[in-house]
């Protein structure tokens, strides 16, 4: 005997969530930097959250 598969339910729930990631950016030049550097240099850098679509 095998248990009923819940594979389809798992896939549907992951499709509903929005995925995102963070990037660091220099506020002066607009160049990408590491998030670690952006958090350390708050006066000249920003941390942006980028949302990805399905």
PDB file of N, CA and C in Angstrom:
ATOM      1  N   UNK A   1       0.833  -1.186   0.000  1.00  0.00           N
ATOM      2  CA  UNK A   1       0.000   0.000   0.000  1.00  0.00           C
ATOM      3  C   UNK A   1       0.877   1.248   0.000  1.00  0.00           C
ATOM      4  N   UNK A   2       0.432   2.230  -0.702  1.00  0.00           N
ATOM      5  CA  UNK A   2       1.148   3.500  -0.715  1.00  0.00           C
ATOM      6  C   UNK A   2       0.223   4.599  -0.218  1.00  0.00           C
ATOM      7  N   UNK A   3       0.811   5.601   0.363  1.00  0.00           N
ATOM      8  CA  UNK A   3       0.036   6.733   0.864  1.00  0.00           C
ATOM      9  C   UNK A   3      -0.401   7.605  -0.303  1.00  0.00           C
ATOM     10  N   UNK A   4      -1.535   8.293  -0.171  1.00  0.00           N
ATOM     11  CA  UNK A   4      -1.972   9.191  -1.241  1.00  0.00           C
ATOM     12  C   UNK A   4      -0.948  10.305  -1.460  1.00  0.00           C
ATOM     13  N   UNK A   5      -0.749  10.633  -2.698  1.00  0.00           N
ATOM     14  CA  UNK A   5       0.236  11.652  -3.037  1.00  0.00           C
ATOM     15  C   UNK A   5      -0.302  13.054  -2.776  1.00  0.00           C
ATOM     16  N   UNK A   6       0.498  13.854  -2.110  1.00  0.00           N
ATOM     17  CA  UNK A   6       0.123  15.254  -1.883  1.00  0.00           C
ATOM     18  C   UNK A   6       1.010  16.167  -2.724  1.00  0.00           C
ATOM     19  N   UNK A   7       1.585  15.613  -3.778  1.00  0.00           N
ATOM     20  CA  UNK A   7       2.527  16.350  -4.630  1.00  0.00           C
ATOM     21  C   UNK A   7       1.887  17.572  -5.274  1.00  0.00           C
ATOM     22  N   UNK A   8       0.670  17.454  -5.766  1.00  0.00           N
ATOM     23  CA  UNK A   8      -0.001  18.574  -6.421  1.00  0.00           C
ATOM     24  C   UNK A   8      -0.294  19.714  -5.451  1.00  0.00           C
ATOM     25  N   UNK A   9      -0.649  19.404  -4.238  1.00  0.00           N
ATOM     26  CA  UNK A   9      -0.947  20.428  -3.239  1.00  0.00           C
ATOM     27  C   UNK A   9       0.309  21.234  -2.930  1.00  0.00           C
ATOM     28  N   UNK A  10       1.443  20.566  -2.805  1.00  0.00           N
ATOM     29  CA  UNK A  10       2.704  21.243  -2.508  1.00  0.00           C
ATOM     30  C   UNK A  10       3.071  22.208  -3.626  1.00  0.00           C
ATOM     31  N   UNK A  11       2.918  21.799  -4.863  1.00  0.00           N
ATOM     32  CA  UNK A  11       3.266  22.665  -5.989  1.00  0.00           C
ATOM     33  C   UNK A  11       2.383  23.904  -6.050  1.00  0.00           C
ATOM     34  N   UNK A  12       1.107  23.738  -5.774  1.00  0.00           N
ATOM     35  CA  UNK A  12       0.199  24.889  -5.820  1.00  0.00           C
ATOM     36  C   UNK A  12       0.544  25.911  -4.749  1.00  0.00           C
ATOM     37  N   UNK A  13       0.907  25.458  -3.565  1.00  0.00           N
ATOM     38  CA  UNK A  13       1.202  26.402  -2.489  1.00  0.00           C
ATOM     39  C   UNK A  13       2.494  27.159  -2.763  1.00  0.00           C
ATOM     40  N   UNK A  14       3.475  26.537  -3.415  1.00  0.00           N
ATOM     41  CA  UNK A  14       4.717  27.243  -3.708  1.00  0.00           C
ATOM     42  C   UNK A  14       4.531  28.235  -4.846  1.00  0.00           C
ATOM     43  N   UNK A  15       3.607  27.978  -5.751  1.00  0.00           N
ATOM     44  CA  UNK A  15       3.354  28.907  -6.849  1.00  0.00           C
ATOM     45  C   UNK A  15       2.685  30.187  -6.349  1.00  0.00           C
ATOM     46  N   UNK A  16       1.980  30.118  -5.244  1.00  0.00           N
ATOM     47  CA  UNK A  16       1.265  31.273  -4.725  1.00  0.00           C
ATOM     48  C   UNK A  16       2.201  32.274  -4.054  1.00  0.00           C
ATOM     49  N   UNK A  17       3.349  31.814  -3.577  1.00  0.00           N
ATOM     50  CA  UNK A  17       4.256  32.696  -2.859  1.00  0.00           C
ATOM     51  C   UNK A  17       5.084  33.525  -3.828  1.00  0.00           C
ATOM     52  N   UNK A  18       5.357  34.760  -3.462  1.00  0.00           N
ATOM     53  CA  UNK A  18       6.223  35.622  -4.249  1.00  0.00           C
ATOM     54  C   UNK A  18       7.637  35.486  -3.724  1.00  0.00           C
ATOM     55  N   UNK A  19       8.564  35.236  -4.617  1.00  0.00           N
ATOM     56  CA  UNK A  19       9.951  35.109  -4.202  1.00  0.00           C
ATOM     57  C   UNK A  19      10.648  36.440  -4.409  1.00  0.00           C
ATOM     58  N   UNK A  20      11.620  36.705  -3.569  1.00  0.00           N
ATOM     59  CA  UNK A  20      12.351  37.952  -3.685  1.00  0.00           C
ATOM     60  C   UNK A  20      13.786  37.745  -3.227  1.00  0.00           C
ATOM     61  N   UNK A  21      14.636  38.684  -3.586  1.00  0.00           N
ATOM     62  CA  UNK A  21      16.018  38.651  -3.146  1.00  0.00           C
ATOM     63  C   UNK A  21      16.490  40.078  -2.951  1.00  0.00           C
ATOM     64  N   UNK A  22      17.559  40.250  -2.209  1.00  0.00           N
ATOM     65  CA  UNK A  22      18.067  41.581  -1.893  1.00  0.00           C
ATOM     66  C   UNK A  22      19.371  41.826  -2.628  1.00  0.00           C
ATOM     67  N   UNK A  23      19.559  43.082  -3.032  1.00  0.00           N
ATOM     68  CA  UNK A  23      20.795  43.513  -3.671  1.00  0.00           C
ATOM     69  C   UNK A  23      21.233  44.822  -3.039  1.00  0.00           C
ATOM     70  N   UNK A  24      22.519  45.040  -3.025  1.00  0.00           N
ATOM     71  CA  UNK A  24      23.041  46.309  -2.556  1.00  0.00           C
ATOM     72  C   UNK A  24      23.297  47.218  -3.738  1.00  0.00           C
ATOM     73  N   UNK A  25      23.135  48.522  -3.538  1.00  0.00           N
ATOM     74  CA  UNK A  25      23.351  49.479  -4.620  1.00  0.00           C
ATOM     75  C   UNK A  25      23.939  50.755  -4.050  1.00  0.00           C
ATOM     76  N   UNK A  26      24.883  51.333  -4.787  1.00  0.00           N
ATOM     77  CA  UNK A  26      25.460  52.606  -4.393  1.00  0.00           C
ATOM     78  C   UNK A  26      24.473  53.710  -4.732  1.00  0.00           C
ATOM     79  N   UNK A  27      24.191  54.571  -3.781  1.00  0.00           N
ATOM     80  CA  UNK A  27      23.255  55.669  -4.014  1.00  0.00           C
ATOM     81  C   UNK A  27      23.888  56.760  -4.874  1.00  0.00           C
ATOM     82  N   UNK A  28      25.199  56.819  -4.897  1.00  0.00           N
ATOM     83  CA  UNK A  28      25.897  57.838  -5.686  1.00  0.00           C
ATOM     84  C   UNK A  28      26.028  57.442  -7.154  1.00  0.00           C
ATOM     85  N   UNK A  29      26.496  56.221  -7.411  1.00  0.00           N
ATOM     86  CA  UNK A  29      26.788  55.811  -8.788  1.00  0.00           C
ATOM     87  C   UNK A  29      25.732  54.902  -9.393  1.00  0.00           C
ATOM     88  N   UNK A  30      24.934  54.238  -8.557  1.00  0.00           N
ATOM     89  CA  UNK A  30      23.933  53.309  -9.056  1.00  0.00           C
ATOM     90  C   UNK A  30      24.474  51.916  -9.312  1.00  0.00           C
ATOM     91  N   UNK A  31      25.747  51.697  -9.026  1.00  0.00           N
ATOM     92  CA  UNK A  31      26.349  50.384  -9.247  1.00  0.00           C
ATOM     93  C   UNK A  31      25.917  49.405  -8.165  1.00  0.00           C
ATOM     94  N   UNK A  32      25.837  48.120  -8.555  1.00  0.00           N
ATOM     95  CA  UNK A  32      25.497  47.072  -7.603  1.00  0.00           C
ATOM     96  C   UNK A  32      26.687  46.783  -6.705  1.00  0.00           C
ATOM     97  N   UNK A  33      26.394  46.514  -5.430  1.00  0.00           N
ATOM     98  CA  UNK A  33      27.410  46.118  -4.464  1.00  0.00           C
ATOM     99  C   UNK A  33      26.850  44.942  -3.661  1.00  0.00           C
ATOM    100  N   UNK A  34      27.619  44.448  -2.745  1.00  0.00           N
ATOM    101  CA  UNK A  34      27.126  43.371  -1.891  1.00  0.00           C
ATOM    102  C   UNK A  34      26.189  43.950  -0.834  1.00  0.00           C
ATOM    103  N   UNK A  35      25.287  43.115  -0.349  1.00  0.00           N
ATOM    104  CA  UNK A  35      24.358  43.537   0.703  1.00  0.00           C
ATOM    105  C   UNK A  35      25.138  43.856   1.968  1.00  0.00           C
ATOM    106  N   UNK A  36      26.174  43.095   2.233  1.00  0.00           N
ATOM    107  CA  UNK A  36      27.004  43.315   3.417  1.00  0.00           C
ATOM    108  C   UNK A  36      27.632  44.708   3.396  1.00  0.00           C
ATOM    109  N   UNK A  37      28.148  45.108   2.245  1.00  0.00           N
ATOM    110  CA  UNK A  37      28.759  46.434   2.105  1.00  0.00           C
ATOM    111  C   UNK A  37      27.705  47.531   2.214  1.00  0.00           C
ATOM    112  N   UNK A  38      26.528  47.303   1.619  1.00  0.00           N
ATOM    113  CA  UNK A  38      25.460  48.303   1.660  1.00  0.00           C
ATOM    114  C   UNK A  38      24.954  48.519   3.084  1.00  0.00           C
ATOM    115  N   UNK A  39      24.883  47.459   3.871  1.00  0.00           N
ATOM    116  CA  UNK A  39      24.446  47.603   5.264  1.00  0.00           C
ATOM    117  C   UNK A  39      25.492  48.337   6.090  1.00  0.00           C
ATOM    118  N   UNK A  40      26.759  48.142   5.748  1.00  0.00           N
ATOM    119  CA  UNK A  40      27.830  48.792   6.501  1.00  0.00           C
ATOM    120  C   UNK A  40      27.938  50.278   6.160  1.00  0.00           C
ATOM    121  N   UNK A  41      27.753  50.637   4.903  1.00  0.00           N
ATOM    122  CA  UNK A  41      27.888  52.027   4.447  1.00  0.00           C
ATOM    123  C   UNK A  41      26.514  52.628   4.183  1.00  0.00           C
ATOM    124  N   UNK A  42      25.738  52.825   5.237  1.00  0.00           N
ATOM    125  CA  UNK A  42      24.347  53.270   5.097  1.00  0.00           C
ATOM    126  C   UNK A  42      24.191  54.660   4.520  1.00  0.00           C
ATOM    127  N   UNK A  43      25.197  55.523   4.676  1.00  0.00           N
ATOM    128  CA  UNK A  43      25.055  56.892   4.188  1.00  0.00           C
ATOM    129  C   UNK A  43      25.175  56.985   2.665  1.00  0.00           C
ATOM    130  N   UNK A  44      25.837  56.022   2.027  1.00  0.00           N
ATOM    131  CA  UNK A  44      26.041  56.099   0.575  1.00  0.00           C
ATOM    132  C   UNK A  44      25.502  54.900  -0.181  1.00  0.00           C
ATOM    133  N   UNK A  45      24.909  53.927   0.509  1.00  0.00           N
ATOM    134  CA  UNK A  45      24.403  52.725  -0.148  1.00  0.00           C
ATOM    135  C   UNK A  45      23.000  52.404   0.339  1.00  0.00           C
ATOM    136  N   UNK A  46      22.252  51.660  -0.475  1.00  0.00           N
ATOM    137  CA  UNK A  46      20.915  51.207  -0.107  1.00  0.00           C
ATOM    138  C   UNK A  46      20.805  49.709  -0.391  1.00  0.00           C
ATOM    139  N   UNK A  47      19.926  49.038   0.357  1.00  0.00           N
ATOM    140  CA  UNK A  47      19.618  47.634   0.119  1.00  0.00           C
ATOM    141  C   UNK A  47      18.224  47.590  -0.496  1.00  0.00           C
ATOM    142  N   UNK A  48      18.128  47.026  -1.687  1.00  0.00           N
ATOM    143  CA  UNK A  48      16.846  46.958  -2.390  1.00  0.00           C
ATOM    144  C   UNK A  48      16.347  45.526  -2.419  1.00  0.00           C
ATOM    145  N   UNK A  49      15.035  45.360  -2.342  1.00  0.00           N
ATOM    146  CA  UNK A  49      14.402  44.042  -2.449  1.00  0.00           C
ATOM    147  C   UNK A  49      13.803  43.928  -3.835  1.00  0.00           C
ATOM    148  N   UNK A  50      14.224  42.923  -4.565  1.00  0.00           N
ATOM    149  CA  UNK A  50      13.738  42.682  -5.924  1.00  0.00           C
ATOM    150  C   UNK A  50      12.760  41.520  -5.877  1.00  0.00           C
ATOM    151  N   UNK A  51      11.535  41.731  -6.331  1.00  0.00           N
ATOM    152  CA  UNK A  51      10.533  40.670  -6.372  1.00  0.00           C
ATOM    153  C   UNK A  51      10.582  40.001  -7.747  1.00  0.00           C
ATOM    154  N   UNK A  52      10.515  38.681  -7.739  1.00  0.00           N
ATOM    155  CA  UNK A  52      10.510  37.932  -8.990  1.00  0.00           C
ATOM    156  C   UNK A  52       9.104  37.462  -9.294  1.00  0.00           C
ATOM    157  N   UNK A  53       8.782  37.355 -10.550  1.00  0.00           N
ATOM    158  CA  UNK A  53       7.467  36.870 -10.937  1.00  0.00           C
ATOM    159  C   UNK A  53       7.534  35.356 -11.108  1.00  0.00           C
ATOM    160  N   UNK A  54       6.399  34.762 -11.350  1.00  0.00           N
ATOM    161  CA  UNK A  54       6.320  33.302 -11.499  1.00  0.00           C
ATOM    162  C   UNK A  54       7.333  32.887 -12.473  1.00  0.00           C
TER     163      UNK A  54
END
